[in-house]
Amino acid sequence: MPALQAASVRPLVLGGLWTSLEVVATTGSTNADLLARGGPEGQVLVAEEQTAGRGRMGRSWVSEPGAALTFSVLLRPVAVPASRLGWLPLLAGVAVAGAVRSVAAVAATLKWPNDVLAGDRKLAGILAEQSGDAVVIGIGLNVATPAAALPVPAATSLLVEGSAVAREPLLAEILRRFERWYAAFREDPDPSRTGLLEEYRTLCATLGRPVRVELPGNRQLAGLAEDVDADGRLLVRESGTTSVTPISAGDIIHLR
């Protein structure tokens, strides 16, 4: 796979939110690297290979070197109330899904909170981590991974979905979309007024379908995923009840 050409991406994205874009051949985790490095908001770190990449719930993220977009961004959203910080990984999901639709012409959707799907299979994962006033968001998107190299049957790639695209325009479009949404949200952290909530609802494949939620502590609930609230929580109406349960953390299984 050809190496990612950062020089072709930098002129397209630097100058606003994004202050630097660095590509390294290999590292353990771009999230861990940016958290350890600190420094100003707007750093972007891309790795051709991650040896200790992580996903949500402590899972590992595996990708073939050069076949995926694996990168992290450093934010310092000091003006955003703590109750709304949970929107940042959802915002990232909106940026990734929108960019995939625009650049790769694949009808990407979101599984709450921020898995990016193509059909029922996972195309990208997003992990947000916080330390002090810094929030690092890591994104792993399968771009050119062949079917035989995908780690699990539930995964897919843009190549498998019939779209052979270069990583550079995808990265640039994700960063552009992220910047637009983040700038608006940082200025007014109300997802309804900024349009973020409506855009998320439009892209979210979880809403309106029966789900099973696997909660911390080996608990479960099943019901209809009705909506996402202003704090980014999934609202699930359990079978036989008249009230909704807000879910702030948990694994979602789409039921047929």
C-alpha atoms as a PDB file:
ATOM      1  CA  MET A   1       0.000   0.000   0.000  1.00  0.00           C
ATOM      2  CA  PRO A   2       1.389   3.475  -0.802  1.00  0.00           C
ATOM      3  CA  ALA A   3       2.360   5.573   2.221  1.00  0.00           C
ATOM      4  CA  LEU A   4      -0.032   8.335   3.187  1.00  0.00           C
ATOM      5  CA  GLN A   5       1.195  11.631   1.730  1.00  0.00           C
ATOM      6  CA  ALA A   6       0.762  14.187   4.489  1.00  0.00           C
ATOM      7  CA  ALA A   7       2.141  16.941   2.251  1.00  0.00           C
ATOM      8  CA  SER A   8      -0.935  16.707   0.033  1.00  0.00           C
ATOM      9  CA  VAL A   9      -3.330  16.917   2.988  1.00  0.00           C
ATOM     10  CA  ARG A  10      -1.759  19.725   5.036  1.00  0.00           C
ATOM     11  CA  PRO A  11      -2.603  22.590   2.625  1.00  0.00           C
ATOM     12  CA  LEU A  12      -6.229  21.447   2.601  1.00  0.00           C
ATOM     13  CA  VAL A  13      -6.789  21.425   6.370  1.00  0.00           C
ATOM     14  CA  LEU A  14      -4.210  23.449   8.282  1.00  0.00           C
ATOM     15  CA  GLY A  15      -4.782  27.078   9.213  1.00  0.00           C
ATOM     16  CA  GLY A  16      -7.975  26.900  11.261  1.00  0.00           C
ATOM     17  CA  LEU A  17      -8.617  24.375  14.024  1.00  0.00           C
ATOM     18  CA  TRP A  18      -5.914  22.019  12.788  1.00  0.00           C
ATOM     19  CA  THR A  19      -2.448  23.296  13.667  1.00  0.00           C
ATOM     20  CA  SER A  20      -0.267  20.303  12.738  1.00  0.00           C
ATOM     21  CA  LEU A  21      -0.531  16.994  10.900  1.00  0.00           C
ATOM     22  CA  GLU A  22       2.130  14.341  11.434  1.00  0.00           C
ATOM     23  CA  VAL A  23       2.384  10.822   9.987  1.00  0.00           C
ATOM     24  CA  VAL A  24       4.451   8.109  11.691  1.00  0.00           C
ATOM     25  CA  ALA A  25       5.208   4.638  10.366  1.00  0.00           C
ATOM     26  CA  THR A  26       4.285   2.768  13.529  1.00  0.00           C
ATOM     27  CA  THR A  27       3.338   3.450  17.132  1.00  0.00           C
ATOM     28  CA  GLY A  28       1.498   1.804  19.969  1.00  0.00           C
ATOM     29  CA  SER A  29      -1.510   4.115  20.121  1.00  0.00           C
ATOM     30  CA  THR A  30      -1.995   7.558  18.585  1.00  0.00           C
ATOM     31  CA  ASN A  31      -4.412   8.403  21.407  1.00  0.00           C
ATOM     32  CA  ALA A  32      -1.796   7.570  24.045  1.00  0.00           C
ATOM     33  CA  ASP A  33       0.872   9.489  22.132  1.00  0.00           C
ATOM     34  CA  LEU A  34      -1.169  12.698  21.945  1.00  0.00           C
ATOM     35  CA  LEU A  35      -2.255  12.485  25.588  1.00  0.00           C
ATOM     36  CA  ALA A  36       1.365  12.051  26.649  1.00  0.00           C
ATOM     37  CA  ARG A  37       2.570  14.838  24.370  1.00  0.00           C
ATOM     38  CA  GLY A  38       0.045  17.466  25.449  1.00  0.00           C
ATOM     39  CA  GLY A  39       0.366  20.857  23.815  1.00  0.00           C
ATOM     40  CA  PRO A  40      -2.135  22.996  21.916  1.00  0.00           C
ATOM     41  CA  GLU A  41      -5.477  22.023  20.484  1.00  0.00           C
ATOM     42  CA  GLY A  42      -5.587  20.993  16.854  1.00  0.00           C
ATOM     43  CA  GLN A  43      -2.815  18.405  16.562  1.00  0.00           C
ATOM     44  CA  VAL A  44      -3.458  15.471  14.207  1.00  0.00           C
ATOM     45  CA  LEU A  45      -1.347  12.325  14.494  1.00  0.00           C
ATOM     46  CA  VAL A  46      -1.652   9.601  11.844  1.00  0.00           C
ATOM     47  CA  ALA A  47      -0.024   6.156  12.109  1.00  0.00           C
ATOM     48  CA  GLU A  48       0.427   3.728   9.255  1.00  0.00           C
ATOM     49  CA  GLU A  49       0.387   0.956  11.876  1.00  0.00           C
ATOM     50  CA  GLN A  50      -0.782   0.838  15.491  1.00  0.00           C
ATOM     51  CA  THR A  51       0.452  -2.060  17.615  1.00  0.00           C
ATOM     52  CA  ALA A  52      -1.698  -1.280  20.662  1.00  0.00           C
ATOM     53  CA  GLY A  53      -4.756   0.381  19.129  1.00  0.00           C
ATOM     54  CA  ARG A  54      -7.869   0.316  21.268  1.00  0.00           C
ATOM     55  CA  GLY A  55     -11.577   0.604  20.739  1.00  0.00           C
ATOM     56  CA  ARG A  56     -14.503   1.153  23.065  1.00  0.00           C
ATOM     57  CA  MET A  57     -14.919  -1.061  26.159  1.00  0.00           C
ATOM     58  CA  GLY A  58     -11.173  -1.845  26.153  1.00  0.00           C
ATOM     59  CA  ARG A  59     -11.245  -3.848  22.923  1.00  0.00           C
ATOM     60  CA  SER A  60      -8.232  -3.964  20.630  1.00  0.00           C
ATOM     61  CA  TRP A  61      -8.345  -2.385  17.176  1.00  0.00           C
ATOM     62  CA  VAL A  62      -6.497  -4.353  14.509  1.00  0.00           C
ATOM     63  CA  SER A  63      -5.670  -3.018  11.055  1.00  0.00           C
ATOM     64  CA  GLU A  64      -3.396  -4.021   8.192  1.00  0.00           C
ATOM     65  CA  PRO A  65      -0.471  -1.560   7.848  1.00  0.00           C
ATOM     66  CA  GLY A  66      -1.206   1.065   5.195  1.00  0.00           C
ATOM     67  CA  ALA A  67      -4.712  -0.198   4.502  1.00  0.00           C
ATOM     68  CA  ALA A  68      -6.578   1.909   7.061  1.00  0.00           C
ATOM     69  CA  LEU A  69      -6.828   5.468   8.280  1.00  0.00           C
ATOM     70  CA  THR A  70      -5.750   5.340  11.928  1.00  0.00           C
ATOM     71  CA  PHE A  71      -5.350   8.756  13.507  1.00  0.00           C
ATOM     72  CA  SER A  72      -6.098  10.857  16.561  1.00  0.00           C
ATOM     73  CA  VAL A  73      -6.863  14.528  17.143  1.00  0.00           C
ATOM     74  CA  LEU A  74      -6.224  16.618  20.260  1.00  0.00           C
ATOM     75  CA  LEU A  75      -8.935  19.017  21.442  1.00  0.00           C
ATOM     76  CA  ARG A  76      -9.254  21.363  24.411  1.00  0.00           C
ATOM     77  CA  PRO A  77     -13.006  22.094  24.570  1.00  0.00           C
ATOM     78  CA  VAL A  78     -12.788  24.287  27.677  1.00  0.00           C
ATOM     79  CA  ALA A  79     -15.976  26.213  26.808  1.00  0.00           C
ATOM     80  CA  VAL A  80     -18.115  23.052  26.511  1.00  0.00           C
ATOM     81  CA  PRO A  81     -19.979  22.003  29.691  1.00  0.00           C
ATOM     82  CA  ALA A  82     -18.953  18.609  31.078  1.00  0.00           C
ATOM     83  CA  SER A  83     -22.454  17.238  30.461  1.00  0.00           C
ATOM     84  CA  ARG A  84     -22.065  17.881  26.723  1.00  0.00           C
ATOM     85  CA  LEU A  85     -18.567  16.445  26.230  1.00  0.00           C
ATOM     86  CA  GLY A  86     -20.167  13.090  25.424  1.00  0.00           C
ATOM     87  CA  TRP A  87     -21.197  14.620  22.114  1.00  0.00           C
ATOM     88  CA  LEU A  88     -17.615  14.839  20.864  1.00  0.00           C
ATOM     89  CA  PRO A  89     -17.284  11.172  19.799  1.00  0.00           C
ATOM     90  CA  LEU A  90     -20.771  11.351  18.278  1.00  0.00           C
ATOM     91  CA  LEU A  91     -19.693  14.480  16.401  1.00  0.00           C
ATOM     92  CA  ALA A  92     -16.673  12.550  15.143  1.00  0.00           C
ATOM     93  CA  GLY A  93     -18.981   9.791  13.930  1.00  0.00           C
ATOM     94  CA  VAL A  94     -21.047  12.316  11.988  1.00  0.00           C
ATOM     95  CA  ALA A  95     -17.862  13.672  10.372  1.00  0.00           C
ATOM     96  CA  VAL A  96     -16.580  10.220   9.396  1.00  0.00           C
ATOM     97  CA  ALA A  97     -19.901   8.940   8.048  1.00  0.00           C
ATOM     98  CA  GLY A  98     -20.457  12.141   6.084  1.00  0.00           C
ATOM     99  CA  ALA A  99     -16.963  12.016   4.593  1.00  0.00           C
ATOM    100  CA  VAL A 100     -17.347   8.344   3.600  1.00  0.00           C
ATOM    101  CA  ARG A 101     -20.626   9.135   1.884  1.00  0.00           C
ATOM    102  CA  SER A 102     -19.124  12.127   0.062  1.00  0.00           C
ATOM    103  CA  VAL A 103     -15.694  10.788  -0.953  1.00  0.00           C
ATOM    104  CA  ALA A 104     -16.241   7.022  -1.208  1.00  0.00           C
ATOM    105  CA  ALA A 105     -19.929   6.987  -2.191  1.00  0.00           C
ATOM    106  CA  VAL A 106     -20.617   4.308   0.442  1.00  0.00           C
ATOM    107  CA  ALA A 107     -23.887   4.763   2.381  1.00  0.00           C
ATOM    108  CA  ALA A 108     -22.303   4.814   5.826  1.00  0.00           C
ATOM    109  CA  THR A 109     -24.527   4.974   8.904  1.00  0.00           C
ATOM    110  CA  LEU A 110     -23.944   5.130  12.648  1.00  0.00           C
ATOM    111  CA  LYS A 111     -24.637   2.621  15.381  1.00  0.00           C
ATOM    112  CA  TRP A 112     -24.996   4.433  18.686  1.00  0.00           C
ATOM    113  CA  PRO A 113     -22.837   5.900  19.953  1.00  0.00           C
ATOM    114  CA  ASN A 114     -20.244   6.142  17.189  1.00  0.00           C
ATOM    115  CA  ASP A 115     -19.554   2.927  15.288  1.00  0.00           C
ATOM    116  CA  VAL A 116     -19.571   3.654  11.553  1.00  0.00           C
ATOM    117  CA  LEU A 117     -21.361   0.942   9.576  1.00  0.00           C
ATOM    118  CA  ALA A 118     -21.749  -0.117   5.974  1.00  0.00           C
ATOM    119  CA  GLY A 119     -24.906  -2.179   6.016  1.00  0.00           C
ATOM    120  CA  ASP A 120     -24.672  -4.235   9.213  1.00  0.00           C
ATOM    121  CA  ARG A 121     -20.882  -4.423   9.282  1.00  0.00           C
ATOM    122  CA  LYS A 122     -18.417  -2.158  11.052  1.00  0.00           C
ATOM    123  CA  LEU A 123     -16.389   0.164   8.864  1.00  0.00           C
ATOM    124  CA  ALA A 124     -14.835   2.426  11.499  1.00  0.00           C
ATOM    125  CA  GLY A 125     -14.481   2.767  15.245  1.00  0.00           C
ATOM    126  CA  ILE A 126     -14.006   5.879  17.364  1.00  0.00           C
ATOM    127  CA  LEU A 127     -12.584   6.213  20.869  1.00  0.00           C
ATOM    128  CA  ALA A 128     -12.520   9.416  22.946  1.00  0.00           C
ATOM    129  CA  GLU A 129     -10.313   9.771  26.011  1.00  0.00           C
ATOM    130  CA  GLN A 130      -9.963  12.705  28.408  1.00  0.00           C
ATOM    131  CA  SER A 131      -7.126  13.925  30.606  1.00  0.00           C
ATOM    132  CA  GLY A 132      -7.624  17.251  32.369  1.00  0.00           C
ATOM    133  CA  ASP A 133      -8.975  19.716  29.820  1.00  0.00           C
ATOM    134  CA  ALA A 134      -7.640  17.675  26.889  1.00  0.00           C
ATOM    135  CA  VAL A 135      -9.837  15.318  24.883  1.00  0.00           C
ATOM    136  CA  VAL A 136      -8.213  13.004  22.352  1.00  0.00           C
ATOM    137  CA  ILE A 137     -10.386  11.313  19.748  1.00  0.00           C
ATOM    138  CA  GLY A 138      -9.004   8.327  17.873  1.00  0.00           C
ATOM    139  CA  ILE A 139     -10.492   7.107  14.597  1.00  0.00           C
ATOM    140  CA  GLY A 140      -9.812   3.841  12.804  1.00  0.00           C
ATOM    141  CA  LEU A 141     -11.353   3.493   9.337  1.00  0.00           C
ATOM    142  CA  ASN A 142     -10.861   0.401   7.167  1.00  0.00           C
ATOM    143  CA  VAL A 143     -10.100   1.751   3.705  1.00  0.00           C
ATOM    144  CA  ALA A 144      -8.272  -0.783   1.521  1.00  0.00           C
ATOM    145  CA  THR A 145      -8.328  -3.849   3.750  1.00  0.00           C
ATOM    146  CA  PRO A 146      -9.118  -6.954   1.651  1.00  0.00           C
ATOM    147  CA  ALA A 147     -11.836  -9.277   2.918  1.00  0.00           C
ATOM    148  CA  ALA A 148      -9.348 -11.978   3.918  1.00  0.00           C
ATOM    149  CA  ALA A 149      -7.457  -9.550   6.181  1.00  0.00           C
ATOM    150  CA  LEU A 150     -10.467  -8.255   8.125  1.00  0.00           C
ATOM    151  CA  PRO A 151     -10.175  -9.289  11.787  1.00  0.00           C
ATOM    152  CA  VAL A 152     -13.769 -10.445  12.327  1.00  0.00           C
ATOM    153  CA  PRO A 153     -16.761 -11.311  10.100  1.00  0.00           C
ATOM    154  CA  ALA A 154     -18.637  -8.278  11.446  1.00  0.00           C
ATOM    155  CA  ALA A 155     -16.030  -5.909   9.966  1.00  0.00           C
ATOM    156  CA  THR A 156     -15.823  -4.463   6.484  1.00  0.00           C
ATOM    157  CA  SER A 157     -13.784  -1.964   4.491  1.00  0.00           C
ATOM    158  CA  LEU A 158     -14.421   0.549   1.754  1.00  0.00           C
ATOM    159  CA  LEU A 159     -12.635  -1.797  -0.667  1.00  0.00           C
ATOM    160  CA  VAL A 160     -14.918  -4.695   0.288  1.00  0.00           C
ATOM    161  CA  GLU A 161     -17.901  -2.377  -0.173  1.00  0.00           C
ATOM    162  CA  GLY A 162     -16.766  -1.716  -3.741  1.00  0.00           C
ATOM    163  CA  SER A 163     -15.048   1.641  -3.280  1.00  0.00           C
ATOM    164  CA  ALA A 164     -11.348   1.967  -4.099  1.00  0.00           C
ATOM    165  CA  VAL A 165     -10.366   5.417  -2.825  1.00  0.00           C
ATOM    166  CA  ALA A 166      -7.143   7.043  -1.725  1.00  0.00           C
ATOM    167  CA  ARG A 167      -6.719   7.773   1.955  1.00  0.00           C
ATOM    168  CA  GLU A 168      -5.619  11.386   1.526  1.00  0.00           C
ATOM    169  CA  PRO A 169      -8.935  12.858   0.302  1.00  0.00           C
ATOM    170  CA  LEU A 170     -10.792  10.834   2.928  1.00  0.00           C
ATOM    171  CA  LEU A 171      -8.614  12.184   5.730  1.00  0.00           C
ATOM    172  CA  ALA A 172      -8.933  15.743   4.451  1.00  0.00           C
ATOM    173  CA  GLU A 173     -12.725  15.517   4.222  1.00  0.00           C
ATOM    174  CA  ILE A 174     -13.066  13.969   7.693  1.00  0.00           C
ATOM    175  CA  LEU A 175     -10.949  16.763   9.179  1.00  0.00           C
ATOM    176  CA  ARG A 176     -12.865  19.477   7.302  1.00  0.00           C
ATOM    177  CA  ARG A 177     -16.220  18.144   8.418  1.00  0.00           C
ATOM    178  CA  PHE A 178     -14.988  17.639  11.981  1.00  0.00           C
ATOM    179  CA  GLU A 179     -13.743  21.232  12.106  1.00  0.00           C
ATOM    180  CA  ARG A 180     -17.052  22.655  10.883  1.00  0.00           C
ATOM    181  CA  TRP A 181     -19.117  20.728  13.418  1.00  0.00           C
ATOM    182  CA  TYR A 182     -16.672  21.269  16.268  1.00  0.00           C
ATOM    183  CA  ALA A 183     -16.373  25.026  15.673  1.00  0.00           C
ATOM    184  CA  ALA A 184     -20.153  25.385  15.788  1.00  0.00           C
ATOM    185  CA  PHE A 185     -20.500  23.130  18.840  1.00  0.00           C
ATOM    186  CA  ARG A 186     -17.692  24.874  20.739  1.00  0.00           C
ATOM    187  CA  GLU A 187     -19.383  28.219  20.079  1.00  0.00           C
ATOM    188  CA  ASP A 188     -22.824  26.918  21.104  1.00  0.00           C
ATOM    189  CA  PRO A 189     -22.749  23.486  22.808  1.00  0.00           C
ATOM    190  CA  ASP A 190     -26.421  22.865  22.117  1.00  0.00           C
ATOM    191  CA  PRO A 191     -26.688  20.036  19.562  1.00  0.00           C
ATOM    192  CA  SER A 192     -30.212  21.082  18.618  1.00  0.00           C
ATOM    193  CA  ARG A 193     -29.340  24.688  17.757  1.00  0.00           C
ATOM    194  CA  THR A 194     -26.198  23.734  15.824  1.00  0.00           C
ATOM    195  CA  GLY A 195     -28.020  21.073  13.812  1.00  0.00           C
ATOM    196  CA  LEU A 196     -25.735  18.332  15.115  1.00  0.00           C
ATOM    197  CA  LEU A 197     -28.543  16.396  16.772  1.00  0.00           C
ATOM    198  CA  GLU A 198     -30.651  16.374  13.621  1.00  0.00           C
ATOM    199  CA  GLU A 199     -27.690  15.301  11.484  1.00  0.00           C
ATOM    200  CA  TYR A 200     -26.891  12.523  13.938  1.00  0.00           C
ATOM    201  CA  ARG A 201     -30.511  11.334  13.891  1.00  0.00           C
ATOM    202  CA  THR A 202     -30.440  11.262  10.092  1.00  0.00           C
ATOM    203  CA  LEU A 203     -27.318   9.076  10.024  1.00  0.00           C
ATOM    204  CA  CYS A 204     -28.105   6.832  13.010  1.00  0.00           C
ATOM    205  CA  ALA A 205     -29.221   3.321  12.021  1.00  0.00           C
ATOM    206  CA  THR A 206     -29.997   2.465  15.666  1.00  0.00           C
ATOM    207  CA  LEU A 207     -33.010   4.761  15.983  1.00  0.00           C
ATOM    208  CA  GLY A 208     -36.409   3.235  15.369  1.00  0.00           C
ATOM    209  CA  ARG A 209     -35.295  -0.372  15.705  1.00  0.00           C
ATOM    210  CA  PRO A 210     -35.386  -2.978  18.477  1.00  0.00           C
ATOM    211  CA  VAL A 211     -32.125  -3.295  20.360  1.00  0.00           C
ATOM    212  CA  ARG A 212     -30.521  -5.152  23.204  1.00  0.00           C
ATOM    213  CA  VAL A 213     -28.314  -3.055  25.443  1.00  0.00           C
ATOM    214  CA  GLU A 214     -25.476  -4.752  27.315  1.00  0.00           C
ATOM    215  CA  LEU A 215     -24.805  -2.533  30.308  1.00  0.00           C
ATOM    216  CA  PRO A 216     -21.889  -2.355  32.742  1.00  0.00           C
ATOM    217  CA  GLY A 217     -22.183  -4.914  35.540  1.00  0.00           C
ATOM    218  CA  ASN A 218     -23.467  -7.693  33.235  1.00  0.00           C
ATOM    219  CA  ARG A 219     -26.930  -6.121  33.052  1.00  0.00           C
ATOM    220  CA  GLN A 220     -29.114  -6.048  29.961  1.00  0.00           C
ATOM    221  CA  LEU A 221     -32.247  -4.382  28.742  1.00  0.00           C
ATOM    222  CA  ALA A 222     -34.181  -4.754  25.512  1.00  0.00           C
ATOM    223  CA  GLY A 223     -36.568  -2.387  23.822  1.00  0.00           C
ATOM    224  CA  LEU A 224     -37.043   0.147  21.050  1.00  0.00           C
ATOM    225  CA  ALA A 225     -34.341   2.760  20.473  1.00  0.00           C
ATOM    226  CA  GLU A 226     -36.469   5.881  20.189  1.00  0.00           C
ATOM    227  CA  ASP A 227     -34.159   8.892  20.186  1.00  0.00           C
ATOM    228  CA  VAL A 228     -30.935  10.540  21.317  1.00  0.00           C
ATOM    229  CA  ASP A 229     -31.221  13.306  23.909  1.00  0.00           C
ATOM    230  CA  ALA A 230     -29.374  16.626  24.251  1.00  0.00           C
ATOM    231  CA  ASP A 231     -26.571  14.938  26.206  1.00  0.00           C
ATOM    232  CA  GLY A 232     -26.025  12.265  23.541  1.00  0.00           C
ATOM    233  CA  ARG A 233     -27.711   9.486  25.507  1.00  0.00           C
ATOM    234  CA  LEU A 234     -29.720   6.808  23.702  1.00  0.00           C
ATOM    235  CA  LEU A 235     -33.361   6.685  24.820  1.00  0.00           C
ATOM    236  CA  VAL A 236     -34.691   3.126  24.907  1.00  0.00           C
ATOM    237  CA  ARG A 237     -38.316   2.199  25.656  1.00  0.00           C
ATOM    238  CA  GLU A 238     -38.354  -1.231  27.228  1.00  0.00           C
ATOM    239  CA  SER A 239     -41.083  -3.628  26.150  1.00  0.00           C
ATOM    240  CA  GLY A 240     -44.273  -3.151  28.162  1.00  0.00           C
ATOM    241  CA  THR A 241     -43.246   0.196  29.665  1.00  0.00           C
ATOM    242  CA  THR A 242     -44.391   3.739  29.043  1.00  0.00           C
ATOM    243  CA  SER A 243     -41.161   5.522  29.972  1.00  0.00           C
ATOM    244  CA  VAL A 244     -37.772   5.618  28.278  1.00  0.00           C
ATOM    245  CA  THR A 245     -34.444   4.668  29.824  1.00  0.00           C
ATOM    246  CA  PRO A 246     -31.510   6.946  28.983  1.00  0.00           C
ATOM    247  CA  ILE A 247     -28.346   4.989  28.143  1.00  0.00           C
ATOM    248  CA  SER A 248     -25.036   6.783  28.552  1.00  0.00           C
ATOM    249  CA  ALA A 249     -22.736   3.761  28.195  1.00  0.00           C
ATOM    250  CA  GLY A 250     -23.260   0.253  26.896  1.00  0.00           C
ATOM    251  CA  ASP A 251     -22.985  -2.056  23.914  1.00  0.00           C
ATOM    252  CA  ILE A 252     -25.862  -1.952  21.455  1.00  0.00           C
ATOM    253  CA  ILE A 253     -26.955  -5.038  19.533  1.00  0.00           C
ATOM    254  CA  HIS A 254     -29.315  -4.345  16.654  1.00  0.00           C
ATOM    255  CA  LEU A 255     -32.158  -6.904  16.691  1.00  0.00           C
ATOM    256  CA  ARG A 256     -34.110  -7.957  13.651  1.00  0.00           C
END
